[in-house]
């Protein structure tokens, strides 16, 4: 295996992740606003991201996409924005506190506060 994980362990982790996504989707009916925090160095087109964000869109729940790790050279805000053009995307660096004020402003604007 690529990550040094046995096939059985990889299947177990995949089942656990699927359960986590299903549990998350069940909770969406109780949400007023959702922050989706993505790693800006990773491909945003994962099945989990598409599934959760698709469910948010179907429920018309306000969403703010937060692209973290913008301090890294591999980060790509353009990929995140292209993946989810229907939502505002705020780039931050949680490690260095970069754009945190902009994040709060976007969150308050989205929630009407």
C-alpha atoms as a PDB file:
ATOM      1  CA  UNK A   1       0.000   0.000   0.000  1.00  0.00           C
ATOM      2  CA  UNK A   2       1.154   3.510  -0.800  1.00  0.00           C
ATOM      3  CA  UNK A   3       0.825   4.867   2.741  1.00  0.00           C
ATOM      4  CA  UNK A   4       2.166   1.699   4.334  1.00  0.00           C
ATOM      5  CA  UNK A   5      -1.302   0.671   5.458  1.00  0.00           C
ATOM      6  CA  UNK A   6      -2.727  -2.811   5.046  1.00  0.00           C
ATOM      7  CA  UNK A   7      -5.733  -3.274   2.755  1.00  0.00           C
ATOM      8  CA  UNK A   8      -7.896  -4.303   5.724  1.00  0.00           C
ATOM      9  CA  UNK A   9      -6.942  -1.200   7.696  1.00  0.00           C
ATOM     10  CA  UNK A  10      -7.521   1.029   4.640  1.00  0.00           C
ATOM     11  CA  UNK A  11     -11.014  -0.470   4.163  1.00  0.00           C
ATOM     12  CA  UNK A  12     -11.789   0.034   7.862  1.00  0.00           C
ATOM     13  CA  UNK A  13     -10.741   3.696   7.664  1.00  0.00           C
ATOM     14  CA  UNK A  14     -12.833   4.191   4.532  1.00  0.00           C
ATOM     15  CA  UNK A  15     -15.901   2.754   6.300  1.00  0.00           C
ATOM     16  CA  UNK A  16     -15.292   5.031   9.296  1.00  0.00           C
ATOM     17  CA  UNK A  17     -14.943   8.069   7.025  1.00  0.00           C
ATOM     18  CA  UNK A  18     -18.171   7.183   5.225  1.00  0.00           C
ATOM     19  CA  UNK A  19     -19.966   6.895   8.559  1.00  0.00           C
ATOM     20  CA  UNK A  20     -18.578  10.289   9.559  1.00  0.00           C
ATOM     21  CA  UNK A  21     -19.871  11.901   6.374  1.00  0.00           C
ATOM     22  CA  UNK A  22     -23.311  10.332   6.856  1.00  0.00           C
ATOM     23  CA  UNK A  23     -23.426  11.545  10.466  1.00  0.00           C
ATOM     24  CA  UNK A  24     -22.386  15.039   9.353  1.00  0.00           C
ATOM     25  CA  UNK A  25     -25.143  15.156   6.744  1.00  0.00           C
ATOM     26  CA  UNK A  26     -27.731  14.180   9.373  1.00  0.00           C
ATOM     27  CA  UNK A  27     -26.702  17.178  11.502  1.00  0.00           C
ATOM     28  CA  UNK A  28     -27.122  19.640   8.628  1.00  0.00           C
ATOM     29  CA  UNK A  29     -30.848  20.031   9.259  1.00  0.00           C
ATOM     30  CA  UNK A  30     -29.990  21.781  12.526  1.00  0.00           C
ATOM     31  CA  UNK A  31     -27.436  24.223  11.093  1.00  0.00           C
ATOM     32  CA  UNK A  32     -28.009  27.925  10.428  1.00  0.00           C
ATOM     33  CA  UNK A  33     -24.608  28.527   8.831  1.00  0.00           C
ATOM     34  CA  UNK A  34     -21.719  26.211   8.002  1.00  0.00           C
ATOM     35  CA  UNK A  35     -17.991  26.869   7.713  1.00  0.00           C
ATOM     36  CA  UNK A  36     -16.252  24.416   5.438  1.00  0.00           C
ATOM     37  CA  UNK A  37     -12.533  24.456   6.170  1.00  0.00           C
ATOM     38  CA  UNK A  38     -10.405  23.041   3.375  1.00  0.00           C
ATOM     39  CA  UNK A  39      -6.668  22.518   3.083  1.00  0.00           C
ATOM     40  CA  UNK A  40      -5.668  24.899   0.288  1.00  0.00           C
ATOM     41  CA  UNK A  41      -2.740  22.637  -0.639  1.00  0.00           C
ATOM     42  CA  UNK A  42      -5.038  19.691  -1.434  1.00  0.00           C
ATOM     43  CA  UNK A  43      -7.383  18.940  -4.327  1.00  0.00           C
ATOM     44  CA  UNK A  44     -10.806  20.358  -3.352  1.00  0.00           C
ATOM     45  CA  UNK A  45     -12.649  17.911  -5.622  1.00  0.00           C
ATOM     46  CA  UNK A  46     -12.736  15.041  -3.115  1.00  0.00           C
ATOM     47  CA  UNK A  47     -15.873  12.928  -2.858  1.00  0.00           C
ATOM     48  CA  UNK A  48     -16.359  14.017   0.756  1.00  0.00           C
ATOM     49  CA  UNK A  49     -16.189  17.732  -0.120  1.00  0.00           C
ATOM     50  CA  UNK A  50     -18.542  17.370  -3.065  1.00  0.00           C
ATOM     51  CA  UNK A  51     -21.030  15.302  -1.039  1.00  0.00           C
ATOM     52  CA  UNK A  52     -21.151  17.607   1.968  1.00  0.00           C
ATOM     53  CA  UNK A  53     -21.223  20.836  -0.022  1.00  0.00           C
ATOM     54  CA  UNK A  54     -23.850  19.395  -2.363  1.00  0.00           C
ATOM     55  CA  UNK A  55     -26.033  18.615   0.636  1.00  0.00           C
ATOM     56  CA  UNK A  56     -25.522  22.138   1.983  1.00  0.00           C
ATOM     57  CA  UNK A  57     -26.547  23.620  -1.357  1.00  0.00           C
ATOM     58  CA  UNK A  58     -29.630  21.394  -1.532  1.00  0.00           C
ATOM     59  CA  UNK A  59     -30.693  22.602   1.920  1.00  0.00           C
ATOM     60  CA  UNK A  60     -29.919  26.241   1.038  1.00  0.00           C
ATOM     61  CA  UNK A  61     -27.743  26.587   4.140  1.00  0.00           C
ATOM     62  CA  UNK A  62     -25.429  29.622   4.056  1.00  0.00           C
ATOM     63  CA  UNK A  63     -21.821  28.472   3.616  1.00  0.00           C
ATOM     64  CA  UNK A  64     -18.442  30.112   3.950  1.00  0.00           C
ATOM     65  CA  UNK A  65     -15.524  28.198   2.472  1.00  0.00           C
ATOM     66  CA  UNK A  66     -12.313  28.730   4.452  1.00  0.00           C
ATOM     67  CA  UNK A  67      -9.127  27.797   2.612  1.00  0.00           C
ATOM     68  CA  UNK A  68      -6.467  27.166   5.247  1.00  0.00           C
ATOM     69  CA  UNK A  69      -2.692  26.924   4.818  1.00  0.00           C
ATOM     70  CA  UNK A  70      -2.452  29.831   2.398  1.00  0.00           C
ATOM     71  CA  UNK A  71       1.015  30.491   3.815  1.00  0.00           C
ATOM     72  CA  UNK A  72       2.321  27.408   1.991  1.00  0.00           C
ATOM     73  CA  UNK A  73       3.712  27.584  -1.543  1.00  0.00           C
ATOM     74  CA  UNK A  74       1.508  24.676  -2.703  1.00  0.00           C
ATOM     75  CA  UNK A  75      -1.683  26.497  -1.663  1.00  0.00           C
ATOM     76  CA  UNK A  76      -4.091  27.388  -4.457  1.00  0.00           C
ATOM     77  CA  UNK A  77      -6.996  29.694  -3.701  1.00  0.00           C
ATOM     78  CA  UNK A  78      -7.917  29.580  -7.397  1.00  0.00           C
ATOM     79  CA  UNK A  79      -8.572  25.828  -7.223  1.00  0.00           C
ATOM     80  CA  UNK A  80     -10.802  26.213  -4.173  1.00  0.00           C
ATOM     81  CA  UNK A  81     -12.720  29.107  -5.754  1.00  0.00           C
ATOM     82  CA  UNK A  82     -13.088  27.218  -9.039  1.00  0.00           C
ATOM     83  CA  UNK A  83     -14.419  24.140  -7.230  1.00  0.00           C
ATOM     84  CA  UNK A  84     -17.113  26.064  -5.340  1.00  0.00           C
ATOM     85  CA  UNK A  85     -17.852  29.279  -7.276  1.00  0.00           C
ATOM     86  CA  UNK A  86     -21.287  29.653  -5.682  1.00  0.00           C
ATOM     87  CA  UNK A  87     -19.702  30.446  -2.293  1.00  0.00           C
ATOM     88  CA  UNK A  88     -17.404  33.087  -0.877  1.00  0.00           C
ATOM     89  CA  UNK A  89     -13.935  31.703  -0.189  1.00  0.00           C
ATOM     90  CA  UNK A  90     -11.665  33.248   2.426  1.00  0.00           C
ATOM     91  CA  UNK A  91      -8.004  32.269   2.508  1.00  0.00           C
ATOM     92  CA  UNK A  92      -6.345  32.075   5.897  1.00  0.00           C
ATOM     93  CA  UNK A  93      -3.255  30.800   7.599  1.00  0.00           C
ATOM     94  CA  UNK A  94      -4.383  29.490  10.964  1.00  0.00           C
ATOM     95  CA  UNK A  95      -0.740  28.896  11.889  1.00  0.00           C
ATOM     96  CA  UNK A  96       0.209  32.557  11.440  1.00  0.00           C
ATOM     97  CA  UNK A  97      -3.183  34.220  11.963  1.00  0.00           C
ATOM     98  CA  UNK A  98      -3.158  35.610   8.414  1.00  0.00           C
ATOM     99  CA  UNK A  99      -6.505  37.044   7.209  1.00  0.00           C
ATOM    100  CA  UNK A 100      -8.306  36.171  10.432  1.00  0.00           C
ATOM    101  CA  UNK A 101     -10.009  39.585  10.574  1.00  0.00           C
ATOM    102  CA  UNK A 102     -11.210  39.104   6.984  1.00  0.00           C
ATOM    103  CA  UNK A 103     -12.505  35.668   7.981  1.00  0.00           C
ATOM    104  CA  UNK A 104     -14.510  37.140  10.878  1.00  0.00           C
ATOM    105  CA  UNK A 105     -15.873  39.919   8.678  1.00  0.00           C
ATOM    106  CA  UNK A 106     -17.025  37.407   6.046  1.00  0.00           C
ATOM    107  CA  UNK A 107     -18.598  35.220   8.735  1.00  0.00           C
ATOM    108  CA  UNK A 108     -20.459  38.126  10.315  1.00  0.00           C
ATOM    109  CA  UNK A 109     -21.634  39.293   6.897  1.00  0.00           C
ATOM    110  CA  UNK A 110     -22.915  35.804   6.082  1.00  0.00           C
ATOM    111  CA  UNK A 111     -24.768  35.451   9.389  1.00  0.00           C
ATOM    112  CA  UNK A 112     -26.112  38.993   9.306  1.00  0.00           C
ATOM    113  CA  UNK A 113     -24.420  40.030  12.532  1.00  0.00           C
END
